[in-house]
Amino acid sequence: MTVEIEISPAGRLPQLEDRPLEKRIGLIILATDHTTEVDFQRMVASDRLGVYVSRIHYANPVTPENLLRMQPSLTEGAALILPDEALDAIVYSCTSASVVIGDRNIEAAIHAAKPGVPVVTPTAAAVTGLKALGARQISVLTPYTIETSRPMADYFAELGFAIDRFTCLGLTDDREMARIAPDEIVVFARQALAPQSDALFISCTAVRAAQVVARIEVETGKPVVSSNLATAWACLRLCGDDRARPELGQLMTKSYREG
């Protein structure tokens, strides 16, 4: 026997806040990405700042040609993040592709879906971060091949950085890059840092470098910037979070200045 349960209306509609969370960060990440989302949940997300993710198609190996193929997907990837709602910043989380596609082209593609939103790329954030740390002579560590590393070396050199040492690990699959053990990252970072460099940049959003940046700084005595640390720092500062968090690295004690 079915018993009819009486359902009563509350009598009024609930009051709604402008947003569920005060600030919104969008992440456009590769379909194969194991690391960015985890890093942003650890370093950025909070009860006032939400991180919203869109994944776009990507096929290994990591080559300049394959990286460039992501460009047509950027607009759709941005459009899928909270459609018709404003974001406080949006990140395209691929360092090597940011170099190949170009920061301005990435910004234009994202603005086609999200006009006016501040666009953060790992490369531009790293440059801003290195400048905030006062670094002009740098060492660079990438997980890529020489072919994929070359455009990045040119990128930093064209922006006026002196590259004392550039080391690449020769991997071609971003899923393998995510499997480099943190202890191994520390070992390679120590080897990659030239004594005369002001700072070390560890490239690739797949590499789990952000979790060991502070440890590398202690062991080397030099500032370290990783791709995900740089974008997390930029997003926090763009959202008005200026807290110093030295446990994440020296960069997280610095203010953010674009350009």
Protein backbone atom coordinates (compact mmCIF):
# COMPACT_ATOMS: atom_id res chain seq x y z
CA MET A 1 0.00 0.00 0.00
CA THR A 2 1.36 3.41 -0.98
CA VAL A 3 1.16 6.14 1.65
CA GLU A 4 0.94 9.64 0.26
CA ILE A 5 3.40 11.88 2.08
CA GLU A 6 2.40 15.48 2.42
CA ILE A 7 5.06 17.88 1.12
CA SER A 8 4.71 21.47 2.25
CA PRO A 9 6.35 24.53 0.70
CA ALA A 10 8.60 26.56 3.00
CA GLY A 11 6.57 29.69 2.52
CA ARG A 12 9.36 31.75 0.97
CA LEU A 13 12.37 31.32 -1.26
CA PRO A 14 15.81 31.26 0.39
CA GLN A 15 18.01 34.32 0.30
CA LEU A 16 20.90 33.85 -2.13
CA GLU A 17 24.44 35.10 -1.86
CA ASP A 18 26.16 36.64 -4.87
CA ARG A 19 28.55 33.68 -5.08
CA PRO A 20 28.97 30.35 -3.28
CA LEU A 21 32.60 31.37 -2.68
CA GLU A 22 34.06 34.87 -2.70
CA LYS A 23 36.71 34.22 -5.39
CA ARG A 24 36.88 31.91 -8.40
CA ILE A 25 39.95 30.54 -10.16
CA GLY A 26 39.59 28.63 -13.42
CA LEU A 27 42.10 25.97 -14.44
CA ILE A 28 42.49 24.73 -18.00
CA ILE A 29 44.58 21.59 -17.75
CA LEU A 30 45.62 18.75 -20.01
CA ALA A 31 43.51 15.59 -20.09
CA THR A 32 46.63 13.72 -18.96
CA ASP A 33 47.55 16.09 -16.08
CA HIS A 34 48.05 14.39 -12.70
CA THR A 35 49.54 17.30 -10.78
CA THR A 36 48.09 20.78 -11.30
CA GLU A 37 44.69 20.10 -9.76
CA VAL A 38 46.26 18.50 -6.69
CA ASP A 39 48.74 21.36 -6.26
CA PHE A 40 46.00 24.00 -6.51
CA GLN A 41 43.81 22.23 -3.99
CA ARG A 42 46.77 22.20 -1.62
CA MET A 43 48.10 25.72 -2.20
CA VAL A 44 45.16 27.80 -3.45
CA ALA A 45 41.70 26.42 -2.65
CA SER A 46 40.04 27.55 0.58
CA ASP A 47 36.63 28.31 2.02
CA ARG A 48 36.77 31.70 0.26
CA LEU A 49 38.48 30.69 -2.97
CA GLY A 50 37.19 28.01 -5.30
CA VAL A 51 39.20 26.25 -8.01
CA TYR A 52 37.20 25.11 -11.05
CA VAL A 53 38.77 22.79 -13.62
CA SER A 54 38.34 22.13 -17.33
CA ARG A 55 40.38 19.46 -19.12
CA ILE A 56 41.28 19.68 -22.80
CA HIS A 57 42.46 17.02 -25.21
CA TYR A 58 46.17 16.31 -25.34
CA ALA A 59 48.12 13.42 -26.85
CA ASN A 60 51.71 12.53 -26.01
CA PRO A 61 54.58 12.70 -26.86
CA VAL A 62 55.55 16.17 -25.63
CA THR A 63 56.81 17.84 -28.78
CA PRO A 64 56.44 21.42 -30.01
CA GLU A 65 54.05 20.18 -32.71
CA ASN A 66 51.76 18.35 -30.27
CA LEU A 67 51.82 21.24 -27.83
CA LEU A 68 50.75 23.67 -30.53
CA ARG A 69 47.75 21.46 -31.36
CA MET A 70 46.12 22.44 -28.06
CA GLN A 71 45.61 26.06 -29.11
CA PRO A 72 42.20 25.53 -30.82
CA SER A 73 40.85 23.88 -27.64
CA LEU A 74 41.58 26.78 -25.32
CA THR A 75 38.44 28.80 -26.02
CA GLU A 76 36.12 25.85 -25.49
CA GLY A 77 38.04 24.81 -22.39
CA ALA A 78 37.57 28.27 -20.90
CA ALA A 79 33.89 28.40 -21.86
CA LEU A 80 33.17 25.19 -19.95
CA ILE A 81 34.31 26.68 -16.63
CA LEU A 82 31.19 28.08 -14.92
CA PRO A 83 29.50 29.16 -18.18
CA ASP A 84 28.21 32.75 -18.21
CA GLU A 85 29.78 33.45 -14.81
CA ALA A 86 32.77 35.67 -14.10
CA LEU A 87 36.12 34.35 -12.91
CA ASP A 88 38.77 36.24 -10.96
CA ALA A 89 41.60 34.57 -12.88
CA ILE A 90 42.08 31.67 -15.25
CA VAL A 91 45.20 29.54 -15.70
CA TYR A 92 46.30 27.62 -18.76
CA SER A 93 48.43 25.04 -17.03
CA CYS A 94 51.06 23.92 -19.51
CA THR A 95 54.48 25.53 -19.41
CA SER A 96 55.99 24.17 -22.61
CA ALA A 97 52.82 24.87 -24.60
CA SER A 98 52.69 28.41 -23.24
CA VAL A 99 56.08 29.01 -24.85
CA VAL A 100 55.13 27.40 -28.16
CA ILE A 101 51.65 28.95 -28.46
CA GLY A 102 52.63 32.27 -26.90
CA ASP A 103 51.28 34.06 -23.83
CA ARG A 104 49.35 36.64 -25.88
CA ASN A 105 47.76 34.03 -28.14
CA ILE A 106 46.65 32.08 -25.08
CA GLU A 107 45.16 35.20 -23.56
CA ALA A 108 43.28 36.00 -26.78
CA ALA A 109 41.87 32.46 -27.03
CA ILE A 110 40.66 32.50 -23.43
CA HIS A 111 39.22 36.00 -23.73
CA ALA A 112 37.10 34.81 -26.64
CA ALA A 113 35.12 32.85 -24.03
CA LYS A 114 35.84 34.84 -20.86
CA PRO A 115 36.38 38.49 -21.83
CA GLY A 116 38.48 40.56 -19.47
CA VAL A 117 39.49 37.80 -17.05
CA PRO A 118 43.13 37.94 -15.93
CA VAL A 119 44.92 35.11 -17.75
CA VAL A 120 47.84 33.37 -16.06
CA THR A 121 50.34 31.13 -17.83
CA PRO A 122 53.17 29.29 -16.09
CA THR A 123 55.76 31.08 -18.20
CA ALA A 124 54.48 34.60 -17.58
CA ALA A 125 53.95 33.86 -13.88
CA ALA A 126 57.46 32.43 -13.62
CA VAL A 127 58.95 35.53 -15.23
CA THR A 128 57.02 37.77 -12.85
CA GLY A 129 58.06 35.59 -9.93
CA LEU A 130 61.74 35.56 -10.85
CA LYS A 131 61.69 39.34 -11.15
CA ALA A 132 59.96 39.62 -7.77
CA LEU A 133 62.84 37.58 -6.33
CA GLY A 134 65.38 39.88 -7.97
CA ALA A 135 66.71 37.12 -10.22
CA ARG A 136 68.37 38.02 -13.51
CA GLN A 137 70.82 35.13 -13.78
CA ILE A 138 68.99 31.82 -13.64
CA SER A 139 69.39 28.10 -14.01
CA VAL A 140 66.59 26.06 -15.57
CA LEU A 141 65.57 22.43 -15.08
CA THR A 142 63.02 20.81 -17.39
CA PRO A 143 61.79 17.23 -17.76
CA TYR A 144 61.64 17.60 -21.56
CA THR A 145 63.88 16.68 -24.46
CA ILE A 146 66.35 19.16 -25.92
CA GLU A 147 63.94 19.80 -28.81
CA THR A 148 61.12 20.84 -26.47
CA SER A 149 63.45 22.69 -24.10
CA ARG A 150 64.98 24.88 -26.82
CA PRO A 151 61.97 27.24 -27.23
CA MET A 152 61.92 27.74 -23.46
CA ALA A 153 65.59 28.66 -23.36
CA ASP A 154 64.94 31.19 -26.13
CA TYR A 155 61.88 32.54 -24.27
CA PHE A 156 63.81 33.41 -21.12
CA ALA A 157 66.82 34.71 -23.02
CA GLU A 158 64.64 37.02 -25.12
CA LEU A 159 63.16 38.45 -21.92
CA GLY A 160 66.62 39.42 -20.70
CA PHE A 161 67.50 36.57 -18.36
CA ALA A 162 71.05 35.23 -18.40
CA ILE A 163 70.86 31.44 -18.37
CA ASP A 164 73.84 30.03 -16.51
CA ARG A 165 72.84 26.39 -16.84
CA PHE A 166 69.97 24.64 -18.63
CA THR A 167 69.33 20.98 -17.80
CA CYS A 168 66.72 18.69 -19.36
CA LEU A 169 65.79 15.15 -18.30
CA GLY A 170 64.79 13.80 -21.72
CA LEU A 171 61.24 12.59 -21.02
CA THR A 172 58.54 12.71 -23.70
CA ASP A 173 55.39 11.66 -21.80
CA ASP A 174 53.83 14.07 -19.30
CA ARG A 175 52.44 11.15 -17.30
CA GLU A 176 56.00 9.97 -16.71
CA MET A 177 56.98 13.51 -15.75
CA ALA A 178 54.34 13.34 -13.01
CA ARG A 179 55.94 10.13 -11.73
CA ILE A 180 59.34 11.68 -11.00
CA ALA A 181 59.73 11.14 -7.27
CA PRO A 182 60.02 14.31 -5.17
CA ASP A 183 63.38 13.12 -3.80
CA GLU A 184 64.62 12.79 -7.37
CA ILE A 185 63.46 16.31 -8.14
CA VAL A 186 65.57 17.57 -5.24
CA VAL A 187 68.64 15.68 -6.48
CA PHE A 188 68.31 16.98 -10.04
CA ALA A 189 67.57 20.50 -8.80
CA ARG A 190 70.80 20.61 -6.81
CA GLN A 191 72.73 19.46 -9.87
CA ALA A 192 70.94 21.89 -12.20
CA LEU A 193 71.60 25.02 -10.14
CA ALA A 194 74.76 26.85 -11.18
CA PRO A 195 76.59 28.47 -8.23
CA GLN A 196 76.45 31.94 -9.79
CA SER A 197 72.70 31.85 -10.53
CA ASP A 198 70.30 34.05 -8.59
CA ALA A 199 67.52 31.43 -8.75
CA LEU A 200 66.42 28.12 -10.23
CA PHE A 201 63.32 27.65 -12.38
CA ILE A 202 61.85 24.13 -12.51
CA SER A 203 59.58 23.87 -15.52
CA CYS A 204 56.50 21.73 -16.16
CA THR A 205 53.12 21.69 -14.45
CA ALA A 206 53.21 17.88 -14.46
CA VAL A 207 56.32 17.74 -12.28
CA ARG A 208 55.62 17.60 -8.54
CA ALA A 209 58.21 20.26 -7.80
CA ALA A 210 56.02 22.69 -5.86
CA GLN A 211 55.92 20.37 -2.87
CA VAL A 212 59.73 20.37 -2.54
CA VAL A 213 60.57 23.98 -3.47
CA ALA A 214 61.15 25.04 0.14
CA ARG A 215 63.34 21.98 0.73
CA ILE A 216 65.48 22.75 -2.32
CA GLU A 217 65.85 26.35 -1.16
CA VAL A 218 67.12 25.20 2.23
CA GLU A 219 69.60 22.80 0.65
CA THR A 220 70.90 25.23 -1.99
CA GLY A 221 70.49 28.61 -0.33
CA LYS A 222 68.87 29.98 -3.51
CA PRO A 223 65.27 30.88 -4.41
CA VAL A 224 63.40 28.31 -6.48
CA VAL A 225 60.38 28.87 -8.72
CA SER A 226 58.36 25.98 -10.14
CA SER A 227 55.59 26.20 -12.72
CA ASN A 228 52.73 25.40 -10.36
CA LEU A 229 54.14 27.48 -7.52
CA ALA A 230 54.33 30.48 -9.87
CA THR A 231 50.75 30.16 -11.13
CA ALA A 232 49.39 29.49 -7.63
CA TRP A 233 51.21 32.58 -6.33
CA ALA A 234 49.89 34.73 -9.17
CA CYS A 235 46.31 33.54 -8.64
CA LEU A 236 46.39 34.10 -4.90
CA ARG A 237 47.73 37.61 -5.31
CA LEU A 238 45.20 38.43 -8.05
CA CYS A 239 42.47 37.32 -5.65
CA GLY A 240 43.74 39.62 -2.91
CA ASP A 241 45.44 36.95 -0.82
CA ASP A 242 48.73 38.60 0.15
CA ARG A 243 49.63 36.30 3.03
CA ALA A 244 53.28 35.33 3.35
CA ARG A 245 53.58 31.53 3.30
CA PRO A 246 57.31 30.83 3.50
CA GLU A 247 56.68 27.13 4.04
CA LEU A 248 55.79 26.98 0.33
CA GLY A 249 58.91 28.82 -0.79
CA GLN A 250 60.38 32.31 -0.91
CA LEU A 251 58.13 33.32 -3.79
CA MET A 252 55.10 33.03 -1.52
CA THR A 253 56.48 35.87 0.59
CA LYS A 254 56.55 38.31 -2.33
CA SER A 255 53.98 40.73 -3.68
CA TYR A 256 52.77 40.40 -7.26
CA ARG A 257 53.48 42.96 -9.96
CA GLU A 258 52.38 42.22 -13.52
CA GLY A 259 54.57 43.19 -16.44
